[in-house]
PDB file of N, CA and C in Angstrom:
ATOM      1  N   MET A   1     114.655  73.609 184.376  1.00  0.00           N
ATOM      2  CA  MET A   1     114.816  72.246 183.936  1.00  0.00           C
ATOM      3  C   MET A   1     116.175  72.069 183.275  1.00  0.00           C
ATOM      4  N   ASP A   2     116.846  70.971 183.615  1.00  0.00           N
ATOM      5  CA  ASP A   2     118.120  70.660 182.992  1.00  0.00           C
ATOM      6  C   ASP A   2     117.888  70.277 181.537  1.00  0.00           C
ATOM      7  N   GLN A   3     118.941  70.371 180.754  1.00  0.00           N
ATOM      8  CA  GLN A   3     118.856  69.985 179.357  1.00  0.00           C
ATOM      9  C   GLN A   3     119.750  68.773 179.128  1.00  0.00           C
ATOM     10  N   TYR A   4     119.257  67.859 178.327  1.00  0.00           N
ATOM     11  CA  TYR A   4     119.981  66.637 178.018  1.00  0.00           C
ATOM     12  C   TYR A   4     120.097  66.532 176.515  1.00  0.00           C
ATOM     13  N   TYR A   5     121.257  66.109 176.045  1.00  0.00           N
ATOM     14  CA  TYR A   5     121.524  66.094 174.624  1.00  0.00           C
ATOM     15  C   TYR A   5     122.092  64.750 174.185  1.00  0.00           C
ATOM     16  N   SER A   6     121.850  64.420 172.929  1.00  0.00           N
ATOM     17  CA  SER A   6     122.504  63.276 172.307  1.00  0.00           C
ATOM     18  C   SER A   6     123.988  63.591 172.220  1.00  0.00           C
ATOM     19  N   ARG A   7     124.811  62.646 172.610  1.00  0.00           N
ATOM     20  CA  ARG A   7     126.264  62.836 172.515  1.00  0.00           C
ATOM     21  C   ARG A   7     126.731  62.858 171.059  1.00  0.00           C
ATOM     22  N   VAL A   8     125.942  62.306 170.176  1.00  0.00           N
ATOM     23  CA  VAL A   8     126.326  62.224 168.765  1.00  0.00           C
ATOM     24  C   VAL A   8     125.948  63.487 168.008  1.00  0.00           C
ATOM     25  N   CYS A   9     124.679  63.878 168.094  1.00  0.00           N
ATOM     26  CA  CYS A   9     124.200  64.966 167.230  1.00  0.00           C
ATOM     27  C   CYS A   9     123.797  66.233 167.969  1.00  0.00           C
ATOM     28  N   GLY A  10     123.737  66.188 169.290  1.00  0.00           N
ATOM     29  CA  GLY A  10     123.370  67.378 170.046  1.00  0.00           C
ATOM     30  C   GLY A  10     121.876  67.612 170.166  1.00  0.00           C
ATOM     31  N   TYR A  11     121.057  66.647 169.738  1.00  0.00           N
ATOM     32  CA  TYR A  11     119.605  66.798 169.827  1.00  0.00           C
ATOM     33  C   TYR A  11     119.187  66.902 171.292  1.00  0.00           C
ATOM     34  N   GLU A  12     118.356  67.896 171.597  1.00  0.00           N
ATOM     35  CA  GLU A  12     117.880  68.082 172.969  1.00  0.00           C
ATOM     36  C   GLU A  12     116.815  67.046 173.291  1.00  0.00           C
ATOM     37  N   LEU A  13     117.020  66.341 174.390  1.00  0.00           N
ATOM     38  CA  LEU A  13     116.128  65.267 174.806  1.00  0.00           C
ATOM     39  C   LEU A  13     115.364  65.655 176.060  1.00  0.00           C
ATOM     40  N   ALA A  14     114.267  64.957 176.329  1.00  0.00           N
ATOM     41  CA  ALA A  14     113.456  65.212 177.518  1.00  0.00           C
ATOM     42  C   ALA A  14     113.790  64.220 178.628  1.00  0.00           C
ATOM     43  N   TYR A  15     114.848  63.452 178.454  1.00  0.00           N
ATOM     44  CA  TYR A  15     115.229  62.436 179.435  1.00  0.00           C
ATOM     45  C   TYR A  15     116.747  62.288 179.433  1.00  0.00           C
ATOM     46  N   PHE A  16     117.259  61.602 180.436  1.00  0.00           N
ATOM     47  CA  PHE A  16     118.692  61.347 180.541  1.00  0.00           C
ATOM     48  C   PHE A  16     119.071  60.197 179.605  1.00  0.00           C
ATOM     49  N   PRO A  17     119.800  60.433 178.529  1.00  0.00           N
ATOM     50  CA  PRO A  17     120.174  59.329 177.660  1.00  0.00           C
ATOM     51  C   PRO A  17     121.167  58.368 178.322  1.00  0.00           C
ATOM     52  N   TRP A  18     121.864  58.859 179.337  1.00  0.00           N
ATOM     53  CA  TRP A  18     122.840  58.047 180.069  1.00  0.00           C
ATOM     54  C   TRP A  18     122.517  57.989 181.560  1.00  0.00           C
ATOM     55  N   GLY A  19     121.258  58.117 181.920  1.00  0.00           N
ATOM     56  CA  GLY A  19     120.850  58.031 183.314  1.00  0.00           C
ATOM     57  C   GLY A  19     121.213  59.261 184.114  1.00  0.00           C
ATOM     58  N   GLU A  20     120.614  59.365 185.268  1.00  0.00           N
ATOM     59  CA  GLU A  20     120.864  60.529 186.122  1.00  0.00           C
ATOM     60  C   GLU A  20     122.309  60.610 186.570  1.00  0.00           C
ATOM     61  N   ASN A  21     122.980  59.469 186.658  1.00  0.00           N
ATOM     62  CA  ASN A  21     124.383  59.458 187.082  1.00  0.00           C
ATOM     63  C   ASN A  21     125.346  59.571 185.898  1.00  0.00           C
ATOM     64  N   ASN A  22     124.801  59.692 184.687  1.00  0.00           N
ATOM     65  CA  ASN A  22     125.584  59.792 183.453  1.00  0.00           C
ATOM     66  C   ASN A  22     126.467  58.563 183.239  1.00  0.00           C
ATOM     67  N   ASP A  23     126.024  57.420 183.803  1.00  0.00           N
ATOM     68  CA  ASP A  23     126.813  56.200 183.728  1.00  0.00           C
ATOM     69  C   ASP A  23     125.984  54.969 183.345  1.00  0.00           C
ATOM     70  N   THR A  24     124.676  55.139 183.178  1.00  0.00           N
ATOM     71  CA  THR A  24     123.801  54.019 182.868  1.00  0.00           C
ATOM     72  C   THR A  24     122.999  54.345 181.619  1.00  0.00           C
ATOM     73  N   PRO A  25     123.418  53.841 180.454  1.00  0.00           N
ATOM     74  CA  PRO A  25     122.735  54.190 179.214  1.00  0.00           C
ATOM     75  C   PRO A  25     121.305  53.671 179.168  1.00  0.00           C
ATOM     76  N   SER A  26     120.457  54.430 178.508  1.00  0.00           N
ATOM     77  CA  SER A  26     119.042  54.061 178.392  1.00  0.00           C
ATOM     78  C   SER A  26     118.801  53.089 177.243  1.00  0.00           C
ATOM     79  N   TYR A  27     119.717  53.012 176.304  1.00  0.00           N
ATOM     80  CA  TYR A  27     119.583  52.205 175.087  1.00  0.00           C
ATOM     81  C   TYR A  27     118.389  52.643 174.237  1.00  0.00           C
ATOM     82  N   GLU A  28     117.927  53.868 174.473  1.00  0.00           N
ATOM     83  CA  GLU A  28     116.903  54.475 173.618  1.00  0.00           C
ATOM     84  C   GLU A  28     117.577  54.871 172.304  1.00  0.00           C
ATOM     85  N   ILE A  29     116.767  55.148 171.309  1.00  0.00           N
ATOM     86  CA  ILE A  29     117.267  55.575 170.003  1.00  0.00           C
ATOM     87  C   ILE A  29     117.012  57.071 169.841  1.00  0.00           C
ATOM     88  N   CYS A  30     118.042  57.808 169.438  1.00  0.00           N
ATOM     89  CA  CYS A  30     117.884  59.242 169.201  1.00  0.00           C
ATOM     90  C   CYS A  30     116.964  59.442 167.996  1.00  0.00           C
ATOM     91  N   PRO A  31     115.897  60.236 168.160  1.00  0.00           N
ATOM     92  CA  PRO A  31     114.981  60.453 167.042  1.00  0.00           C
ATOM     93  C   PRO A  31     115.605  61.255 165.905  1.00  0.00           C
ATOM     94  N   CYS A  32     116.711  61.913 166.181  1.00  0.00           N
ATOM     95  CA  CYS A  32     117.362  62.706 165.144  1.00  0.00           C
ATOM     96  C   CYS A  32     118.364  61.864 164.355  1.00  0.00           C
ATOM     97  N   CYS A  33     119.438  61.442 164.999  1.00  0.00           N
ATOM     98  CA  CYS A  33     120.505  60.751 164.272  1.00  0.00           C
ATOM     99  C   CYS A  33     120.370  59.235 164.269  1.00  0.00           C
ATOM    100  N   GLY A  34     119.520  58.699 165.128  1.00  0.00           N
ATOM    101  CA  GLY A  34     119.318  57.258 165.173  1.00  0.00           C
ATOM    102  C   GLY A  34     120.340  56.509 166.010  1.00  0.00           C
ATOM    103  N   ALA A  35     121.202  57.222 166.725  1.00  0.00           N
ATOM    104  CA  ALA A  35     122.190  56.563 167.571  1.00  0.00           C
ATOM    105  C   ALA A  35     121.501  55.888 168.749  1.00  0.00           C
ATOM    106  N   GLU A  36     122.005  54.731 169.128  1.00  0.00           N
ATOM    107  CA  GLU A  36     121.496  54.038 170.314  1.00  0.00           C
ATOM    108  C   GLU A  36     122.381  54.434 171.482  1.00  0.00           C
ATOM    109  N   PHE A  37     121.773  55.050 172.496  1.00  0.00           N
ATOM    110  CA  PHE A  37     122.527  55.513 173.654  1.00  0.00           C
ATOM    111  C   PHE A  37     123.061  54.308 174.426  1.00  0.00           C
ATOM    112  N   GLY A  38     124.376  54.261 174.572  1.00  0.00           N
ATOM    113  CA  GLY A  38     125.021  53.154 175.235  1.00  0.00           C
ATOM    114  C   GLY A  38     125.707  52.222 174.256  1.00  0.00           C
ATOM    115  N   CYS A  39     125.436  52.402 173.000  1.00  0.00           N
ATOM    116  CA  CYS A  39     126.048  51.564 171.968  1.00  0.00           C
ATOM    117  C   CYS A  39     126.843  52.437 170.999  1.00  0.00           C
ATOM    118  N   ASP A  40     126.151  53.344 170.333  1.00  0.00           N
ATOM    119  CA  ASP A  40     126.799  54.191 169.333  1.00  0.00           C
ATOM    120  C   ASP A  40     127.520  55.392 169.927  1.00  0.00           C
ATOM    121  N   ASP A  41     127.308  55.658 171.201  1.00  0.00           N
ATOM    122  CA  ASP A  41     127.949  56.814 171.851  1.00  0.00           C
ATOM    123  C   ASP A  41     128.718  56.389 173.091  1.00  0.00           C
ATOM    124  N   TYR A  42     129.275  55.192 173.030  1.00  0.00           N
ATOM    125  CA  TYR A  42     129.922  54.618 174.204  1.00  0.00           C
ATOM    126  C   TYR A  42     131.289  55.224 174.502  1.00  0.00           C
ATOM    127  N   THR A  43     132.031  55.574 173.471  1.00  0.00           N
ATOM    128  CA  THR A  43     133.362  56.173 173.645  1.00  0.00           C
ATOM    129  C   THR A  43     133.479  57.397 172.742  1.00  0.00           C
ATOM    130  N   PRO A  44     134.438  58.252 172.992  1.00  0.00           N
ATOM    131  CA  PRO A  44     134.639  59.391 172.089  1.00  0.00           C
ATOM    132  C   PRO A  44     134.871  58.944 170.642  1.00  0.00           C
ATOM    133  N   GLU A  45     135.537  57.825 170.461  1.00  0.00           N
ATOM    134  CA  GLU A  45     135.806  57.328 169.117  1.00  0.00           C
ATOM    135  C   GLU A  45     134.519  56.895 168.414  1.00  0.00           C
ATOM    136  N   THR A  46     133.650  56.146 169.117  1.00  0.00           N
ATOM    137  CA  THR A  46     132.406  55.693 168.483  1.00  0.00           C
ATOM    138  C   THR A  46     131.488  56.877 168.192  1.00  0.00           C
ATOM    139  N   ILE A  47     131.519  57.870 169.048  1.00  0.00           N
ATOM    140  CA  ILE A  47     130.720  59.083 168.820  1.00  0.00           C
ATOM    141  C   ILE A  47     131.190  59.768 167.538  1.00  0.00           C
ATOM    142  N   LYS A  48     132.498  59.957 167.418  1.00  0.00           N
ATOM    143  CA  LYS A  48     133.052  60.641 166.250  1.00  0.00           C
ATOM    144  C   LYS A  48     132.740  59.884 164.967  1.00  0.00           C
ATOM    145  N   VAL A  49     132.923  58.578 164.972  1.00  0.00           N
ATOM    146  CA  VAL A  49     132.664  57.765 163.781  1.00  0.00           C
ATOM    147  C   VAL A  49     131.192  57.839 163.394  1.00  0.00           C
ATOM    148  N   TYR A  50     130.297  57.693 164.374  1.00  0.00           N
ATOM    149  CA  TYR A  50     128.862  57.721 164.070  1.00  0.00           C
ATOM    150  C   TYR A  50     128.451  59.094 163.545  1.00  0.00           C
ATOM    151  N   ARG A  51     128.928  60.152 164.210  1.00  0.00           N
ATOM    152  CA  ARG A  51     128.579  61.515 163.800  1.00  0.00           C
ATOM    153  C   ARG A  51     129.054  61.786 162.375  1.00  0.00           C
ATOM    154  N   GLU A  52     130.288  61.450 162.071  1.00  0.00           N
ATOM    155  CA  GLU A  52     130.822  61.690 160.735  1.00  0.00           C
ATOM    156  C   GLU A  52     130.024  60.930 159.678  1.00  0.00           C
ATOM    157  N   LYS A  53     129.701  59.690 159.954  1.00  0.00           N
ATOM    158  CA  LYS A  53     128.919  58.885 159.013  1.00  0.00           C
ATOM    159  C   LYS A  53     127.531  59.497 158.813  1.00  0.00           C
ATOM    160  N   TRP A  54     126.895  59.908 159.897  1.00  0.00           N
ATOM    161  CA  TRP A  54     125.554  60.499 159.835  1.00  0.00           C
ATOM    162  C   TRP A  54     125.570  61.792 159.025  1.00  0.00           C
ATOM    163  N   VAL A  55     126.519  62.689 159.292  1.00  0.00           N
ATOM    164  CA  VAL A  55     126.605  63.970 158.588  1.00  0.00           C
ATOM    165  C   VAL A  55     126.928  63.739 157.106  1.00  0.00           C
ATOM    166  N   LYS A  56     127.887  62.861 156.819  1.00  0.00           N
ATOM    167  CA  LYS A  56     128.260  62.592 155.424  1.00  0.00           C
ATOM    168  C   LYS A  56     127.119  61.987 154.619  1.00  0.00           C
ATOM    169  N   SER A  57     126.215  61.285 155.303  1.00  0.00           N
ATOM    170  CA  SER A  57     125.079  60.676 154.589  1.00  0.00           C
ATOM    171  C   SER A  57     123.895  61.642 154.470  1.00  0.00           C
ATOM    172  N   GLY A  58     124.108  62.898 154.857  1.00  0.00           N
ATOM    173  CA  GLY A  58     123.079  63.912 154.685  1.00  0.00           C
ATOM    174  C   GLY A  58     122.373  64.329 155.956  1.00  0.00           C
ATOM    175  N   ALA A  59     122.813  63.827 157.100  1.00  0.00           N
ATOM    176  CA  ALA A  59     122.216  64.173 158.400  1.00  0.00           C
ATOM    177  C   ALA A  59     120.695  63.996 158.382  1.00  0.00           C
ATOM    178  N   LYS A  60     120.268  62.873 157.834  1.00  0.00           N
ATOM    179  CA  LYS A  60     118.828  62.591 157.756  1.00  0.00           C
ATOM    180  C   LYS A  60     118.292  62.204 159.117  1.00  0.00           C
ATOM    181  N   TRP A  61     117.074  62.636 159.389  1.00  0.00           N
ATOM    182  CA  TRP A  61     116.423  62.331 160.665  1.00  0.00           C
ATOM    183  C   TRP A  61     115.962  60.883 160.701  1.00  0.00           C
ATOM    184  N   PHE A  62     116.248  60.218 161.813  1.00  0.00           N
ATOM    185  CA  PHE A  62     115.787  58.852 162.027  1.00  0.00           C
ATOM    186  C   PHE A  62     114.261  58.817 162.102  1.00  0.00           C
ATOM    187  N   ASN A  63     113.692  59.800 162.802  1.00  0.00           N
ATOM    188  CA  ASN A  63     112.241  59.954 162.899  1.00  0.00           C
ATOM    189  C   ASN A  63     111.884  61.332 162.343  1.00  0.00           C
ATOM    190  N   PRO A  64     111.670  61.435 161.037  1.00  0.00           N
ATOM    191  CA  PRO A  64     111.432  62.746 160.424  1.00  0.00           C
ATOM    192  C   PRO A  64     110.195  63.469 160.954  1.00  0.00           C
ATOM    193  N   ASN A  65     109.257  62.762 161.548  1.00  0.00           N
ATOM    194  CA  ASN A  65     108.072  63.404 162.120  1.00  0.00           C
ATOM    195  C   ASN A  65     108.407  64.282 163.323  1.00  0.00           C
ATOM    196  N   MET A  66     109.580  64.073 163.925  1.00  0.00           N
ATOM    197  CA  MET A  66     109.984  64.862 165.096  1.00  0.00           C
ATOM    198  C   MET A  66     110.885  66.038 164.736  1.00  0.00           C
ATOM    199  N   MET A  67     111.196  66.184 163.463  1.00  0.00           N
ATOM    200  CA  MET A  67     112.097  67.259 163.032  1.00  0.00           C
ATOM    201  C   MET A  67     111.396  68.612 163.123  1.00  0.00           C
ATOM    202  N   PRO A  68     111.963  69.561 163.880  1.00  0.00           N
ATOM    203  CA  PRO A  68     111.370  70.899 163.962  1.00  0.00           C
ATOM    204  C   PRO A  68     111.405  71.595 162.601  1.00  0.00           C
ATOM    205  N   THR A  69     110.438  72.446 162.357  1.00  0.00           N
ATOM    206  CA  THR A  69     110.370  73.136 161.069  1.00  0.00           C
ATOM    207  C   THR A  69     111.556  74.079 160.862  1.00  0.00           C
ATOM    208  N   ASN A  70     112.092  74.627 161.913  1.00  0.00           N
ATOM    209  CA  ASN A  70     113.211  75.565 161.808  1.00  0.00           C
ATOM    210  C   ASN A  70     114.539  74.911 162.189  1.00  0.00           C
ATOM    211  N   TRP A  71     114.664  73.606 161.966  1.00  0.00           N
ATOM    212  CA  TRP A  71     115.843  72.853 162.379  1.00  0.00           C
ATOM    213  C   TRP A  71     117.094  73.331 161.664  1.00  0.00           C
ATOM    214  N   SER A  72     118.178  73.425 162.427  1.00  0.00           N
ATOM    215  CA  SER A  72     119.476  73.814 161.876  1.00  0.00           C
ATOM    216  C   SER A  72     120.522  72.811 162.359  1.00  0.00           C
ATOM    217  N   LEU A  73     121.141  72.112 161.433  1.00  0.00           N
ATOM    218  CA  LEU A  73     122.184  71.152 161.785  1.00  0.00           C
ATOM    219  C   LEU A  73     123.320  71.837 162.540  1.00  0.00           C
ATOM    220  N   GLU A  74     123.755  72.970 162.066  1.00  0.00           N
ATOM    221  CA  GLU A  74     124.875  73.673 162.692  1.00  0.00           C
ATOM    222  C   GLU A  74     124.574  74.053 164.139  1.00  0.00           C
ATOM    223  N   LYS A  75     123.380  74.587 164.377  1.00  0.00           N
ATOM    224  CA  LYS A  75     123.002  74.976 165.741  1.00  0.00           C
ATOM    225  C   LYS A  75     122.900  73.751 166.641  1.00  0.00           C
ATOM    226  N   GLN A  76     122.353  72.679 166.111  1.00  0.00           N
ATOM    227  CA  GLN A  76     122.198  71.478 166.923  1.00  0.00           C
ATOM    228  C   GLN A  76     123.547  70.856 167.248  1.00  0.00           C
ATOM    229  N   LEU A  77     124.443  70.802 166.273  1.00  0.00           N
ATOM    230  CA  LEU A  77     125.760  70.221 166.530  1.00  0.00           C
ATOM    231  C   LEU A  77     126.527  71.013 167.582  1.00  0.00           C
ATOM    232  N   TYR A  78     126.213  72.285 167.733  1.00  0.00           N
ATOM    233  CA  TYR A  78     126.845  73.087 168.791  1.00  0.00           C
ATOM    234  C   TYR A  78     126.523  72.508 170.165  1.00  0.00           C
ATOM    235  N   ASN A  79     125.325  71.941 170.345  1.00  0.00           N
ATOM    236  CA  ASN A  79     124.932  71.396 171.645  1.00  0.00           C
ATOM    237  C   ASN A  79     125.842  70.286 172.122  1.00  0.00           C
ATOM    238  N   TYR A  80     126.277  69.406 171.225  1.00  0.00           N
ATOM    239  CA  TYR A  80     127.117  68.293 171.689  1.00  0.00           C
ATOM    240  C   TYR A  80     128.448  68.787 172.209  1.00  0.00           C
ATOM    241  N   LYS A  81     128.883  69.937 171.769  1.00  0.00           N
ATOM    242  CA  LYS A  81     130.158  70.490 172.248  1.00  0.00           C
ATOM    243  C   LYS A  81     130.052  70.962 173.692  1.00  0.00           C
ATOM    244  N   ARG A  82     128.816  71.188 174.155  1.00  0.00           N
ATOM    245  CA  ARG A  82     128.597  71.650 175.525  1.00  0.00           C
ATOM    246  C   ARG A  82     128.529  70.500 176.512  1.00  0.00           C
ATOM    247  N   ILE A  83     128.527  69.290 176.036  1.00  0.00           N
ATOM    248  CA  ILE A  83     128.377  68.122 176.913  1.00  0.00           C
ATOM    249  C   ILE A  83     129.692  67.819 177.596  1.00  0.00           C
TER     250      ILE A  83
END
């Protein structure tokens, strides 16, 4: 199975946040950082601004019920670098 990640925080998703062609945003909300795919991750600049704001505010989960017990911000942020 392919892996799909939030462009902002690197959270692994079970669906294409930008469609199968990587060109059609789903406009879903990332359960981790709260970014809206297609809005907050539209350009490299918007990604950087959103990520910095999210991390500086404590990297709080948008949906804390989905946060894994062994979650590591550093490990997760590594995923976005692979995109």
